[in-house]
Amino acid sequence: MVGLDRNNLNNSIIADGNHDEEEIEAKNYRQQRFQEFSTDSAKISVYFRNLQEKLIEKINQYSVIVGCVAWFTNKDVLKALATREKVSIIIQKEDFLRPDTGDWSSKKLKRLYGNLPPGPSKSGEYWGDLLQSLNINSTWDSEPIRWAGNFNTEKLPAFPRMHNKFLVFCEFELVERLIPINDDNDNLYSIKADLEKELKIVPKAVWTGSFNITNNGTMSLENAVYIVDTKISKAYYDEWQYIFALSESIPNKHWKKYWDAPEEFRIGT
């Protein structure tokens, strides 16, 4: 362990096995190298370093990515998502364009968002009963990036904020189709259709933790947890679909304007 300046981490470094004393001194402590404590078990992995690379590695393993992330401005992660088949991410409405985001950066971010594959639609293509159960009562298609929140022009505190930081990794699978029927007592239940299957999106794994998927996040001390478990993944998927039902499109004019009236999504009957 070398030269840890607790008062100024920008001028301190913890060496790993690839950096000797002369190299550290020559770089004048400008390149930080912190010790690595990442580890994994049968179903869970924890990461503390190189989070962007780890996240992109996971993204490349799955066909469908959904989730809720407070801020999403990391261009490399967005480029990785653009190669997937389906994407649906909900971001925080209040300040999705951070105060230090200039006009050029906003245009670039909008273009990166626009390169992503589409999210769910009213037709329920592949999304199956999970989205249909929300009973969204309108005709709609959704963008890959939407927002949720209570933003206001006065910039007063607005709660609850959409402050989640999780992604759910999913795959297409053929599953047995369920047929809703009524029994003799008029109780609704489902039975499996004989020899009939349908293609659905099934949650497989989750990425969560403190890591903001931003450029600043890659330069911070953060953590991430990766869980490969269908039950846990389904819980996060359900939370995503709930927030998806509360989300709104990002109006084109908002890329230069800080507030816009909520859209009407009409949930339920």
Protein backbone atom coordinates (compact mmCIF):
# COMPACT_ATOMS: atom_id res chain seq x y z
CA MET A 1 0.00 0.00 0.00
CA VAL A 2 1.52 3.29 -1.09
CA GLY A 3 1.08 6.95 -0.21
CA LEU A 4 -2.62 7.14 0.76
CA ASP A 5 -3.41 10.82 1.34
CA ARG A 6 -6.68 10.76 3.29
CA ASN A 7 -7.15 14.50 2.77
CA ASN A 8 -6.83 14.40 -1.02
CA LEU A 9 -7.60 11.17 -2.85
CA ASN A 10 -6.74 12.87 -6.15
CA ASN A 11 -3.11 12.86 -5.05
CA SER A 12 -3.03 9.38 -3.54
CA ILE A 13 -2.79 5.86 -4.87
CA ILE A 14 -2.97 2.27 -3.73
CA ALA A 15 -0.76 0.18 -5.96
CA ASP A 16 -1.86 -3.07 -7.51
CA GLY A 17 0.39 -5.75 -8.89
CA ASN A 18 0.87 -3.99 -12.23
CA HIS A 19 2.41 -0.77 -10.93
CA ASP A 20 5.83 -0.48 -9.30
CA GLU A 21 7.13 2.32 -7.07
CA GLU A 22 8.94 4.19 -9.88
CA GLU A 23 5.87 4.21 -12.12
CA ILE A 24 3.69 5.51 -9.31
CA GLU A 25 6.19 8.28 -8.50
CA ALA A 26 6.60 9.20 -12.20
CA LYS A 27 2.85 9.66 -12.57
CA ASN A 28 2.87 11.95 -9.54
CA TYR A 29 0.00 10.00 -7.93
CA ARG A 30 -2.44 11.19 -10.58
CA GLN A 31 -3.57 7.72 -11.61
CA GLN A 32 -5.34 6.05 -8.73
CA ARG A 33 -5.06 2.30 -8.26
CA PHE A 34 -7.12 0.94 -5.41
CA GLN A 35 -6.94 -2.55 -4.02
CA GLU A 36 -9.40 -5.06 -5.47
CA PHE A 37 -11.88 -6.81 -3.17
CA SER A 38 -14.35 -8.05 -5.78
CA THR A 39 -15.48 -11.62 -5.28
CA ASP A 40 -18.29 -14.02 -6.09
CA SER A 41 -20.24 -17.02 -4.84
CA ALA A 42 -22.57 -19.45 -6.58
CA LYS A 43 -25.24 -16.84 -7.39
CA ILE A 44 -23.85 -13.45 -6.32
CA SER A 45 -20.86 -11.39 -7.44
CA VAL A 46 -19.72 -8.11 -5.88
CA TYR A 47 -17.59 -5.56 -7.72
CA PHE A 48 -15.69 -2.49 -6.55
CA ARG A 49 -13.37 -1.70 -9.49
CA ASN A 50 -13.77 -1.45 -13.28
CA LEU A 51 -17.54 -1.34 -12.94
CA GLN A 52 -18.17 -0.01 -16.43
CA GLU A 53 -16.29 -2.91 -18.00
CA LYS A 54 -18.07 -5.45 -15.79
CA LEU A 55 -21.48 -3.99 -16.61
CA ILE A 56 -20.85 -4.00 -20.36
CA GLU A 57 -19.67 -7.60 -20.08
CA LYS A 58 -23.00 -8.56 -18.48
CA ILE A 59 -25.06 -6.54 -20.98
CA ASN A 60 -23.42 -8.40 -23.86
CA GLN A 61 -24.62 -11.72 -22.42
CA TYR A 62 -28.36 -10.99 -22.60
CA SER A 63 -30.92 -10.10 -25.28
CA VAL A 64 -33.22 -7.86 -23.23
CA ILE A 65 -32.32 -5.23 -20.62
CA VAL A 66 -34.84 -3.36 -18.47
CA GLY A 67 -34.43 -1.35 -15.29
CA CYS A 68 -34.63 1.86 -13.31
CA VAL A 69 -31.57 4.11 -13.06
CA ALA A 70 -31.51 7.61 -11.59
CA TRP A 71 -29.04 8.97 -14.18
CA PHE A 72 -27.92 7.34 -17.41
CA THR A 73 -25.31 9.29 -19.38
CA ASN A 74 -22.45 6.81 -19.85
CA LYS A 75 -21.89 6.64 -23.61
CA ASP A 76 -20.02 3.32 -23.59
CA VAL A 77 -22.80 1.55 -21.69
CA LEU A 78 -25.42 3.14 -23.96
CA LYS A 79 -23.50 1.92 -27.02
CA ALA A 80 -23.48 -1.60 -25.57
CA LEU A 81 -27.24 -1.45 -24.99
CA ALA A 82 -27.75 -0.37 -28.61
CA THR A 83 -26.63 -3.86 -29.70
CA ARG A 84 -29.37 -5.64 -27.70
CA GLU A 85 -32.81 -6.65 -28.99
CA LYS A 86 -35.05 -4.87 -26.46
CA VAL A 87 -34.30 -2.08 -23.96
CA SER A 88 -36.52 -0.25 -21.47
CA ILE A 89 -34.88 2.00 -18.86
CA ILE A 90 -36.65 4.48 -16.56
CA ILE A 91 -34.58 7.46 -15.38
CA GLN A 92 -35.15 10.21 -12.82
CA LYS A 93 -37.19 13.11 -14.15
CA GLU A 94 -36.02 15.90 -11.83
CA ASP A 95 -32.53 16.45 -13.22
CA PHE A 96 -31.88 13.82 -15.86
CA LEU A 97 -29.76 16.47 -17.60
CA ARG A 98 -27.27 17.23 -14.87
CA PRO A 99 -26.48 20.95 -14.28
CA ASP A 100 -23.06 20.53 -15.90
CA THR A 101 -24.50 19.04 -19.11
CA GLY A 102 -23.95 21.52 -21.93
CA ASP A 103 -25.93 21.83 -25.16
CA TRP A 104 -23.43 19.72 -27.12
CA SER A 105 -23.54 16.95 -24.53
CA SER A 106 -27.34 17.04 -24.49
CA LYS A 107 -27.48 16.58 -28.26
CA LYS A 108 -25.04 13.68 -28.09
CA LEU A 109 -26.98 12.01 -25.27
CA LYS A 110 -30.25 12.39 -27.17
CA ARG A 111 -28.66 10.72 -30.18
CA LEU A 112 -27.38 7.83 -28.03
CA TYR A 113 -30.85 7.36 -26.54
CA GLY A 114 -32.30 7.37 -30.05
CA ASN A 115 -29.99 4.55 -31.15
CA LEU A 116 -31.43 2.13 -28.59
CA PRO A 117 -33.92 -0.60 -29.56
CA PRO A 118 -37.59 0.05 -28.61
CA GLY A 119 -39.27 -0.77 -25.34
CA PRO A 120 -42.66 -2.45 -24.69
CA SER A 121 -45.79 -1.71 -26.71
CA LYS A 122 -49.52 -2.14 -26.25
CA SER A 123 -49.40 -5.30 -28.34
CA GLY A 124 -47.45 -6.91 -25.50
CA GLU A 125 -45.01 -8.44 -27.95
CA TYR A 126 -42.95 -10.96 -25.94
CA TRP A 127 -43.70 -9.13 -22.68
CA GLY A 128 -46.67 -11.38 -21.96
CA ASP A 129 -48.86 -11.24 -18.89
CA LEU A 130 -46.35 -9.29 -16.80
CA LEU A 131 -47.15 -6.02 -18.55
CA GLN A 132 -50.73 -6.90 -19.41
CA SER A 133 -51.43 -7.33 -15.70
CA LEU A 134 -50.91 -3.58 -15.27
CA ASN A 135 -54.14 -3.01 -17.22
CA ILE A 136 -52.80 0.06 -19.00
CA ASN A 137 -55.90 1.45 -20.65
CA SER A 138 -54.65 3.17 -23.81
CA THR A 139 -52.91 2.50 -27.09
CA TRP A 140 -49.22 3.13 -26.78
CA ASP A 141 -45.67 2.36 -27.77
CA SER A 142 -42.76 3.15 -25.51
CA GLU A 143 -39.31 4.59 -26.00
CA PRO A 144 -36.25 2.75 -24.68
CA ILE A 145 -35.58 5.60 -22.22
CA ARG A 146 -38.46 7.16 -20.26
CA TRP A 147 -38.57 9.18 -17.05
CA ALA A 148 -40.56 9.21 -13.81
CA GLY A 149 -40.81 11.85 -11.10
CA ASN A 150 -42.35 15.08 -9.80
CA PHE A 151 -40.19 17.73 -11.42
CA ASN A 152 -41.35 21.34 -11.03
CA THR A 153 -40.24 24.67 -12.46
CA GLU A 154 -39.29 26.12 -9.07
CA LYS A 155 -36.89 23.20 -8.51
CA LEU A 156 -38.29 22.71 -5.03
CA PRO A 157 -37.82 19.34 -3.32
CA ALA A 158 -40.06 16.84 -5.09
CA PHE A 159 -40.66 13.40 -3.62
CA PRO A 160 -40.73 10.52 -4.13
CA ARG A 161 -37.76 10.62 -6.48
CA MET A 162 -37.00 7.72 -8.80
CA HIS A 163 -33.61 7.00 -7.25
CA ASN A 164 -33.22 3.31 -8.09
CA LYS A 165 -30.06 1.93 -9.65
CA PHE A 166 -30.82 -1.50 -11.05
CA LEU A 167 -30.85 -3.32 -14.37
CA VAL A 168 -32.61 -6.62 -15.03
CA PHE A 169 -31.09 -8.95 -17.61
CA CYS A 170 -33.63 -11.04 -19.50
CA GLU A 171 -33.86 -13.64 -22.24
CA PHE A 172 -36.49 -14.82 -24.71
CA GLU A 173 -37.89 -18.22 -23.74
CA LEU A 174 -40.63 -20.52 -24.94
CA VAL A 175 -43.00 -20.99 -22.01
CA GLU A 176 -46.26 -22.88 -21.68
CA ARG A 177 -49.22 -20.72 -22.55
CA LEU A 178 -51.83 -20.27 -19.82
CA ILE A 179 -55.53 -20.13 -20.65
CA PRO A 180 -57.80 -18.17 -18.26
CA ILE A 181 -61.07 -20.01 -17.51
CA ASN A 182 -63.87 -19.92 -14.96
CA ASP A 183 -64.79 -22.93 -12.83
CA ASP A 184 -68.30 -23.91 -11.72
CA ASN A 185 -68.14 -21.38 -8.88
CA ASP A 186 -67.14 -18.58 -11.27
CA ASN A 187 -63.59 -18.48 -9.89
CA LEU A 188 -61.05 -17.38 -12.45
CA TYR A 189 -57.90 -19.45 -12.73
CA SER A 190 -55.46 -20.58 -15.38
CA ILE A 191 -54.58 -23.93 -16.89
CA LYS A 192 -51.72 -24.87 -19.17
CA ALA A 193 -52.65 -25.11 -22.81
CA ASP A 194 -51.87 -28.55 -24.19
CA LEU A 195 -48.77 -28.54 -26.35
CA GLU A 196 -48.94 -24.77 -26.81
CA LYS A 197 -46.04 -22.49 -26.00
CA GLU A 198 -45.37 -18.82 -26.55
CA LEU A 199 -42.23 -16.72 -26.65
CA LYS A 200 -41.87 -14.48 -23.62
CA ILE A 201 -39.26 -12.32 -21.94
CA VAL A 202 -38.02 -13.97 -18.75
CA PRO A 203 -35.87 -12.16 -16.13
CA LYS A 204 -32.64 -13.99 -15.33
CA ALA A 205 -30.23 -11.73 -13.42
CA VAL A 206 -29.93 -8.33 -11.71
CA TRP A 207 -27.25 -5.64 -11.48
CA THR A 208 -27.62 -3.15 -8.62
CA GLY A 209 -25.55 -1.14 -6.13
CA SER A 210 -24.31 2.43 -5.67
CA PHE A 211 -22.84 2.82 -9.18
CA ASN A 212 -24.37 5.66 -11.20
CA ILE A 213 -24.18 4.81 -14.90
CA THR A 214 -22.48 8.10 -15.72
CA ASN A 215 -18.98 9.21 -16.64
CA ASN A 216 -18.49 10.59 -13.13
CA GLY A 217 -19.55 7.23 -11.72
CA THR A 218 -16.56 5.55 -13.36
CA MET A 219 -14.22 7.90 -11.48
CA SER A 220 -15.80 7.36 -8.07
CA LEU A 221 -15.53 4.75 -5.35
CA GLU A 222 -18.65 2.68 -6.03
CA ASN A 223 -19.94 -0.86 -5.71
CA ALA A 224 -22.14 -3.20 -7.73
CA VAL A 225 -23.87 -6.48 -6.96
CA TYR A 226 -24.71 -8.99 -9.69
CA ILE A 227 -27.29 -11.64 -8.78
CA VAL A 228 -28.16 -14.65 -10.94
CA ASP A 229 -31.43 -15.85 -9.44
CA THR A 230 -34.82 -16.04 -11.17
CA LYS A 231 -36.87 -15.30 -8.04
CA ILE A 232 -34.85 -12.20 -7.15
CA SER A 233 -34.75 -11.11 -10.79
CA LYS A 234 -38.53 -11.43 -11.04
CA ALA A 235 -38.94 -9.15 -7.98
CA TYR A 236 -36.82 -6.45 -9.64
CA TYR A 237 -38.66 -6.99 -12.92
CA ASP A 238 -41.98 -6.43 -11.13
CA GLU A 239 -40.65 -3.19 -9.62
CA TRP A 240 -39.50 -2.04 -13.04
CA GLN A 241 -42.92 -2.72 -14.58
CA TYR A 242 -44.62 -0.82 -11.74
CA ILE A 243 -42.41 2.24 -12.29
CA PHE A 244 -42.77 1.82 -16.05
CA ALA A 245 -46.52 2.32 -15.60
CA LEU A 246 -45.79 5.61 -13.81
CA SER A 247 -43.26 6.78 -16.37
CA GLU A 248 -43.61 9.31 -19.18
CA SER A 249 -42.02 10.08 -22.52
CA ILE A 250 -39.22 12.64 -22.53
CA PRO A 251 -40.57 15.46 -24.76
CA ASN A 252 -38.23 16.66 -27.50
CA LYS A 253 -38.53 20.22 -26.24
CA HIS A 254 -37.31 19.20 -22.80
CA TRP A 255 -33.79 18.71 -24.08
CA LYS A 256 -33.65 22.53 -23.96
CA LYS A 257 -36.40 23.09 -21.40
CA TYR A 258 -36.41 22.10 -17.73
CA TRP A 259 -40.06 21.19 -17.27
CA ASP A 260 -43.02 19.78 -19.16
CA ALA A 261 -46.56 18.82 -18.11
CA PRO A 262 -47.10 15.12 -17.33
CA GLU A 263 -48.63 12.95 -20.01
CA GLU A 264 -51.84 11.00 -19.44
CA PHE A 265 -51.13 7.28 -19.29
CA ARG A 266 -54.52 6.17 -17.85
CA ILE A 267 -53.82 3.11 -15.75
CA GLY A 268 -56.71 0.76 -15.06
CA THR A 269 -60.38 1.17 -15.83
